[in-house]
Amino acid sequence: GDNYLDARRFPMIIKPVRPLGGFKTFLPTNADELLRWTDIHQPDLPFMAQRFIPGDDRAIYFSALYLDAGKVLARFDGHKLRSRPLGHTTIAESFRNEEVYRQTGARQGSCRLSHAANG
């Protein structure tokens, strides 16, 4: 199974699933930081975790999925032009990207997620 505390997954971006949560993004660099953050932000659960890709915003591509019980109903692939705060897209352009979509895991037929984004 997926072990999100595995050191190879850090750093990662953590966001509240509900956009009006008590924080916008958090970038833990290890499991201890993530666990402390989770303890402090219990009211904001559940969280969404995304792979962190360092670099300039213009080097970031994403695939946002609209899911129903794990089935992909729609998708939007894009290219970030600007993201503020960290992890949130402020300006993007549509850019179909099969490799980024493949990395969401959606092509295996079922996502065990309520929200998936790879960016």
N, C-alpha and C. Protein backbone atom coordinates (compact mmCIF):
# COMPACT_ATOMS: atom_id res chain seq x y z
N GLY A 1 0.81 -1.19 0.00
CA GLY A 1 0.00 0.00 0.00
C GLY A 1 0.86 1.25 0.00
N ASP A 2 0.19 2.37 -0.10
CA ASP A 2 0.88 3.66 -0.09
C ASP A 2 1.25 4.04 1.34
N ASN A 3 2.51 4.34 1.58
CA ASN A 3 2.96 4.82 2.87
C ASN A 3 3.41 6.26 2.69
N TYR A 4 2.54 7.19 3.09
CA TYR A 4 2.84 8.60 2.87
C TYR A 4 3.88 9.14 3.84
N LEU A 5 4.31 8.33 4.80
CA LEU A 5 5.37 8.76 5.70
C LEU A 5 6.73 8.25 5.25
N ASP A 6 6.78 7.56 4.13
CA ASP A 6 8.03 7.07 3.55
C ASP A 6 8.91 8.27 3.21
N ALA A 7 10.15 8.25 3.64
CA ALA A 7 11.08 9.38 3.44
C ALA A 7 11.25 9.75 1.97
N ARG A 8 11.06 8.79 1.07
CA ARG A 8 11.23 9.07 -0.36
C ARG A 8 10.13 9.97 -0.91
N ARG A 9 9.06 10.14 -0.19
CA ARG A 9 7.94 10.97 -0.66
C ARG A 9 8.10 12.44 -0.28
N PHE A 10 9.12 12.76 0.50
CA PHE A 10 9.30 14.15 0.96
C PHE A 10 10.32 14.85 0.09
N PRO A 11 10.23 16.17 -0.07
CA PRO A 11 9.14 16.99 0.45
C PRO A 11 7.86 16.77 -0.37
N MET A 12 6.74 17.09 0.25
CA MET A 12 5.44 17.01 -0.42
C MET A 12 4.66 18.27 -0.06
N ILE A 13 3.66 18.57 -0.84
CA ILE A 13 2.79 19.71 -0.55
C ILE A 13 1.53 19.17 0.11
N ILE A 14 1.15 19.77 1.23
CA ILE A 14 -0.08 19.41 1.93
C ILE A 14 -1.05 20.57 1.81
N LYS A 15 -2.30 20.27 1.43
CA LYS A 15 -3.35 21.28 1.30
C LYS A 15 -4.60 20.76 1.98
N PRO A 16 -5.43 21.65 2.51
CA PRO A 16 -6.72 21.19 3.03
C PRO A 16 -7.63 20.83 1.86
N VAL A 17 -8.42 19.78 2.00
CA VAL A 17 -9.37 19.41 0.94
C VAL A 17 -10.43 20.49 0.80
N ARG A 18 -10.85 21.05 1.94
CA ARG A 18 -11.80 22.16 1.92
C ARG A 18 -11.01 23.45 1.75
N PRO A 19 -11.21 24.18 0.67
CA PRO A 19 -10.38 25.35 0.36
C PRO A 19 -10.39 26.45 1.43
N LEU A 20 -11.41 26.50 2.25
CA LEU A 20 -11.47 27.56 3.27
C LEU A 20 -10.93 27.07 4.61
N GLY A 21 -9.98 26.16 4.58
CA GLY A 21 -9.37 25.64 5.80
C GLY A 21 -8.49 26.69 6.46
N GLY A 22 -7.85 26.31 7.55
CA GLY A 22 -7.04 27.23 8.33
C GLY A 22 -5.67 27.51 7.74
N PHE A 23 -5.34 26.90 6.63
CA PHE A 23 -4.05 27.15 5.98
C PHE A 23 -4.22 26.90 4.48
N LYS A 24 -3.30 27.41 3.69
CA LYS A 24 -3.33 27.22 2.23
C LYS A 24 -2.47 26.03 1.82
N THR A 25 -1.20 26.06 2.20
CA THR A 25 -0.28 24.97 1.85
C THR A 25 0.76 24.81 2.95
N PHE A 26 1.31 23.61 3.02
CA PHE A 26 2.40 23.32 3.93
C PHE A 26 3.36 22.41 3.18
N LEU A 27 4.65 22.63 3.35
CA LEU A 27 5.68 21.87 2.65
C LEU A 27 6.56 21.14 3.67
N PRO A 28 6.09 20.00 4.20
CA PRO A 28 6.93 19.26 5.15
C PRO A 28 8.09 18.59 4.44
N THR A 29 9.23 18.54 5.12
CA THR A 29 10.41 17.90 4.53
C THR A 29 10.66 16.51 5.11
N ASN A 30 9.86 16.13 6.14
CA ASN A 30 10.01 14.80 6.72
C ASN A 30 8.73 14.41 7.46
N ALA A 31 8.64 13.15 7.87
CA ALA A 31 7.44 12.63 8.51
C ALA A 31 7.15 13.32 9.84
N ASP A 32 8.19 13.64 10.62
CA ASP A 32 7.97 14.32 11.91
C ASP A 32 7.28 15.66 11.72
N GLU A 33 7.73 16.44 10.74
CA GLU A 33 7.09 17.74 10.47
C GLU A 33 5.63 17.54 10.08
N LEU A 34 5.37 16.55 9.24
CA LEU A 34 4.00 16.29 8.80
C LEU A 34 3.11 15.88 9.97
N LEU A 35 3.60 15.01 10.84
CA LEU A 35 2.80 14.57 11.98
C LEU A 35 2.54 15.71 12.96
N ARG A 36 3.53 16.56 13.20
CA ARG A 36 3.31 17.74 14.07
C ARG A 36 2.27 18.66 13.46
N TRP A 37 2.37 18.91 12.16
CA TRP A 37 1.43 19.78 11.45
C TRP A 37 0.01 19.21 11.56
N THR A 38 -0.10 17.89 11.38
CA THR A 38 -1.41 17.24 11.46
C THR A 38 -2.00 17.40 12.85
N ASP A 39 -1.19 17.26 13.89
CA ASP A 39 -1.68 17.45 15.26
C ASP A 39 -2.22 18.86 15.46
N ILE A 40 -1.51 19.85 14.95
CA ILE A 40 -1.91 21.25 15.12
C ILE A 40 -3.16 21.58 14.31
N HIS A 41 -3.29 20.98 13.14
CA HIS A 41 -4.36 21.34 12.21
C HIS A 41 -5.45 20.27 12.10
N GLN A 42 -5.74 19.58 13.20
CA GLN A 42 -6.81 18.58 13.20
C GLN A 42 -8.14 19.12 12.66
N PRO A 43 -8.53 20.36 13.01
CA PRO A 43 -9.82 20.87 12.50
C PRO A 43 -9.87 21.00 10.97
N ASP A 44 -8.70 21.03 10.34
CA ASP A 44 -8.65 21.20 8.88
C ASP A 44 -8.64 19.87 8.12
N LEU A 45 -8.65 18.74 8.83
CA LEU A 45 -8.68 17.44 8.15
C LEU A 45 -9.96 17.31 7.34
N PRO A 46 -9.96 16.61 6.22
CA PRO A 46 -8.83 15.87 5.64
C PRO A 46 -7.92 16.76 4.82
N PHE A 47 -6.69 16.28 4.64
CA PHE A 47 -5.69 16.97 3.83
C PHE A 47 -5.51 16.24 2.50
N MET A 48 -4.94 16.94 1.56
CA MET A 48 -4.55 16.35 0.28
C MET A 48 -3.03 16.47 0.19
N ALA A 49 -2.37 15.41 -0.24
CA ALA A 49 -0.91 15.43 -0.42
C ALA A 49 -0.59 15.37 -1.90
N GLN A 50 0.37 16.19 -2.31
CA GLN A 50 0.83 16.20 -3.69
C GLN A 50 2.34 16.11 -3.72
N ARG A 51 2.84 15.52 -4.78
CA ARG A 51 4.29 15.48 -4.97
C ARG A 51 4.79 16.91 -5.18
N PHE A 52 5.88 17.27 -4.53
CA PHE A 52 6.48 18.59 -4.71
C PHE A 52 7.54 18.50 -5.79
N ILE A 53 7.43 19.38 -6.76
CA ILE A 53 8.40 19.43 -7.86
C ILE A 53 9.10 20.77 -7.77
N PRO A 54 10.36 20.80 -7.33
CA PRO A 54 11.05 22.08 -7.20
C PRO A 54 11.32 22.70 -8.57
N GLY A 55 11.43 24.01 -8.58
CA GLY A 55 11.76 24.70 -9.82
C GLY A 55 10.83 25.88 -10.06
N ASP A 56 11.05 26.52 -11.17
CA ASP A 56 10.26 27.66 -11.58
C ASP A 56 8.83 27.22 -11.91
N ASP A 57 7.86 28.08 -11.61
CA ASP A 57 6.46 27.75 -11.87
C ASP A 57 6.22 27.30 -13.30
N ARG A 58 6.91 27.90 -14.24
CA ARG A 58 6.69 27.59 -15.65
C ARG A 58 7.13 26.18 -16.04
N ALA A 59 7.82 25.49 -15.14
CA ALA A 59 8.25 24.12 -15.41
C ALA A 59 7.24 23.10 -14.87
N ILE A 60 6.11 23.58 -14.33
CA ILE A 60 5.16 22.69 -13.68
C ILE A 60 3.95 22.44 -14.57
N TYR A 61 3.65 21.16 -14.76
CA TYR A 61 2.47 20.72 -15.49
C TYR A 61 1.59 19.96 -14.51
N PHE A 62 0.29 19.94 -14.74
CA PHE A 62 -0.62 19.29 -13.80
C PHE A 62 -1.77 18.63 -14.53
N SER A 63 -2.42 17.72 -13.83
CA SER A 63 -3.64 17.08 -14.31
C SER A 63 -4.62 17.10 -13.15
N ALA A 64 -5.68 17.88 -13.29
CA ALA A 64 -6.72 17.96 -12.26
C ALA A 64 -7.87 17.06 -12.69
N LEU A 65 -8.35 16.24 -11.77
CA LEU A 65 -9.38 15.26 -12.08
C LEU A 65 -10.67 15.55 -11.33
N TYR A 66 -11.79 15.32 -11.98
CA TYR A 66 -13.11 15.37 -11.35
C TYR A 66 -13.56 13.92 -11.24
N LEU A 67 -13.72 13.43 -10.00
CA LEU A 67 -13.97 12.01 -9.74
C LEU A 67 -15.35 11.78 -9.14
N ASP A 68 -15.89 10.60 -9.41
CA ASP A 68 -17.10 10.12 -8.75
C ASP A 68 -16.83 8.69 -8.32
N ALA A 69 -16.71 8.49 -7.02
CA ALA A 69 -16.41 7.16 -6.45
C ALA A 69 -15.17 6.56 -7.10
N GLY A 70 -14.16 7.39 -7.34
CA GLY A 70 -12.90 6.92 -7.89
C GLY A 70 -12.85 6.86 -9.41
N LYS A 71 -13.99 7.04 -10.07
CA LYS A 71 -14.03 7.01 -11.54
C LYS A 71 -13.82 8.42 -12.08
N VAL A 72 -12.91 8.55 -13.04
CA VAL A 72 -12.63 9.86 -13.63
C VAL A 72 -13.78 10.25 -14.55
N LEU A 73 -14.44 11.38 -14.21
CA LEU A 73 -15.52 11.90 -15.05
C LEU A 73 -15.00 12.95 -16.02
N ALA A 74 -14.01 13.70 -15.60
CA ALA A 74 -13.44 14.75 -16.44
C ALA A 74 -12.03 15.05 -15.96
N ARG A 75 -11.25 15.64 -16.84
CA ARG A 75 -9.89 16.01 -16.46
C ARG A 75 -9.51 17.31 -17.15
N PHE A 76 -8.58 18.02 -16.51
CA PHE A 76 -8.03 19.23 -17.11
C PHE A 76 -6.53 19.18 -16.92
N ASP A 77 -5.79 19.12 -18.01
CA ASP A 77 -4.33 19.15 -17.96
C ASP A 77 -3.89 20.58 -18.24
N GLY A 78 -2.87 21.01 -17.54
CA GLY A 78 -2.42 22.37 -17.76
C GLY A 78 -0.95 22.57 -17.47
N HIS A 79 -0.53 23.77 -17.75
CA HIS A 79 0.84 24.22 -17.57
C HIS A 79 0.77 25.47 -16.70
N LYS A 80 1.39 25.42 -15.53
CA LYS A 80 1.36 26.58 -14.63
C LYS A 80 2.24 27.70 -15.17
N LEU A 81 1.72 28.89 -15.10
CA LEU A 81 2.50 30.07 -15.45
C LEU A 81 2.87 30.85 -14.19
N ARG A 82 2.03 30.72 -13.17
CA ARG A 82 2.30 31.35 -11.88
C ARG A 82 1.51 30.62 -10.80
N SER A 83 2.13 30.43 -9.64
CA SER A 83 1.43 29.81 -8.51
C SER A 83 1.76 30.57 -7.23
N ARG A 84 0.74 31.14 -6.64
CA ARG A 84 0.84 31.84 -5.35
C ARG A 84 -0.45 31.62 -4.59
N PRO A 85 -0.44 31.15 -3.37
CA PRO A 85 0.73 30.67 -2.63
C PRO A 85 1.22 29.35 -3.20
N LEU A 86 2.33 28.89 -2.66
CA LEU A 86 2.95 27.65 -3.09
C LEU A 86 1.91 26.55 -3.27
N GLY A 87 1.94 25.90 -4.41
CA GLY A 87 1.06 24.77 -4.65
C GLY A 87 -0.30 25.10 -5.23
N HIS A 88 -0.63 26.37 -5.31
CA HIS A 88 -1.92 26.78 -5.86
C HIS A 88 -1.70 27.48 -7.19
N THR A 89 -2.50 27.12 -8.16
CA THR A 89 -2.36 27.71 -9.49
C THR A 89 -3.06 29.06 -9.53
N THR A 90 -2.33 30.11 -9.86
CA THR A 90 -2.90 31.44 -10.04
C THR A 90 -3.18 31.68 -11.51
N ILE A 91 -2.21 31.36 -12.36
CA ILE A 91 -2.37 31.51 -13.81
C ILE A 91 -1.86 30.23 -14.46
N ALA A 92 -2.67 29.68 -15.38
CA ALA A 92 -2.28 28.47 -16.09
C ALA A 92 -2.87 28.49 -17.49
N GLU A 93 -2.30 27.66 -18.34
CA GLU A 93 -2.85 27.48 -19.67
C GLU A 93 -3.15 26.00 -19.87
N SER A 94 -4.16 25.72 -20.66
CA SER A 94 -4.50 24.35 -20.99
C SER A 94 -3.36 23.73 -21.78
N PHE A 95 -2.95 22.53 -21.38
CA PHE A 95 -1.85 21.84 -22.06
C PHE A 95 -2.02 20.35 -21.80
N ARG A 96 -2.54 19.62 -22.77
CA ARG A 96 -2.76 18.18 -22.59
C ARG A 96 -1.41 17.48 -22.43
N ASN A 97 -1.31 16.65 -21.37
CA ASN A 97 -0.05 16.00 -21.06
C ASN A 97 -0.33 14.58 -20.57
N GLU A 98 -0.19 13.61 -21.45
CA GLU A 98 -0.51 12.22 -21.12
C GLU A 98 0.39 11.66 -20.01
N GLU A 99 1.65 12.06 -19.98
CA GLU A 99 2.56 11.55 -18.94
C GLU A 99 2.14 12.03 -17.56
N VAL A 100 1.80 13.28 -17.43
CA VAL A 100 1.35 13.80 -16.13
C VAL A 100 0.05 13.12 -15.73
N TYR A 101 -0.87 12.96 -16.66
CA TYR A 101 -2.13 12.27 -16.37
C TYR A 101 -1.86 10.83 -15.92
N ARG A 102 -0.95 10.15 -16.60
CA ARG A 102 -0.61 8.78 -16.22
C ARG A 102 -0.11 8.71 -14.78
N GLN A 103 0.66 9.71 -14.37
CA GLN A 103 1.21 9.71 -13.02
C GLN A 103 0.16 9.93 -11.93
N THR A 104 -1.02 10.39 -12.28
CA THR A 104 -2.08 10.52 -11.27
C THR A 104 -2.57 9.16 -10.81
N GLY A 105 -2.29 8.11 -11.60
CA GLY A 105 -2.77 6.77 -11.26
C GLY A 105 -4.17 6.51 -11.76
N ALA A 106 -4.79 7.48 -12.39
CA ALA A 106 -6.18 7.36 -12.82
C ALA A 106 -6.37 6.32 -13.91
N ARG A 107 -5.38 6.08 -14.71
CA ARG A 107 -5.53 5.16 -15.83
C ARG A 107 -5.66 3.70 -15.40
N GLN A 108 -5.35 3.39 -14.16
CA GLN A 108 -5.52 2.02 -13.71
C GLN A 108 -7.00 1.68 -13.53
N GLY A 109 -7.88 2.64 -13.82
CA GLY A 109 -9.31 2.36 -13.80
C GLY A 109 -10.02 2.88 -12.57
N SER A 110 -9.31 3.05 -11.49
CA SER A 110 -9.98 3.51 -10.29
C SER A 110 -8.98 4.22 -9.39
N CYS A 111 -9.34 5.40 -8.98
CA CYS A 111 -8.54 6.14 -7.99
C CYS A 111 -9.18 5.90 -6.63
N ARG A 112 -8.36 5.67 -5.62
CA ARG A 112 -8.89 5.54 -4.26
C ARG A 112 -8.91 6.89 -3.59
N LEU A 113 -9.01 7.92 -4.37
CA LEU A 113 -8.93 9.28 -3.85
C LEU A 113 -10.26 9.99 -4.00
N SER A 114 -10.47 11.01 -3.19
CA SER A 114 -11.63 11.86 -3.39
C SER A 114 -11.24 13.07 -4.22
N HIS A 115 -9.94 13.33 -4.32
CA HIS A 115 -9.43 14.48 -5.06
C HIS A 115 -8.03 14.13 -5.52
N ALA A 116 -7.76 14.31 -6.77
CA ALA A 116 -6.41 14.02 -7.26
C ALA A 116 -5.92 15.17 -8.11
N ALA A 117 -4.73 15.58 -7.87
CA ALA A 117 -4.08 16.58 -8.71
C ALA A 117 -2.61 16.27 -8.70
N ASN A 118 -1.98 16.39 -9.81
CA ASN A 118 -0.56 16.13 -9.89
C ASN A 118 0.08 17.38 -10.45
N GLY A 119 0.71 18.15 -9.62
CA GLY A 119 1.29 19.39 -10.11
C GLY A 119 2.20 19.93 -9.16
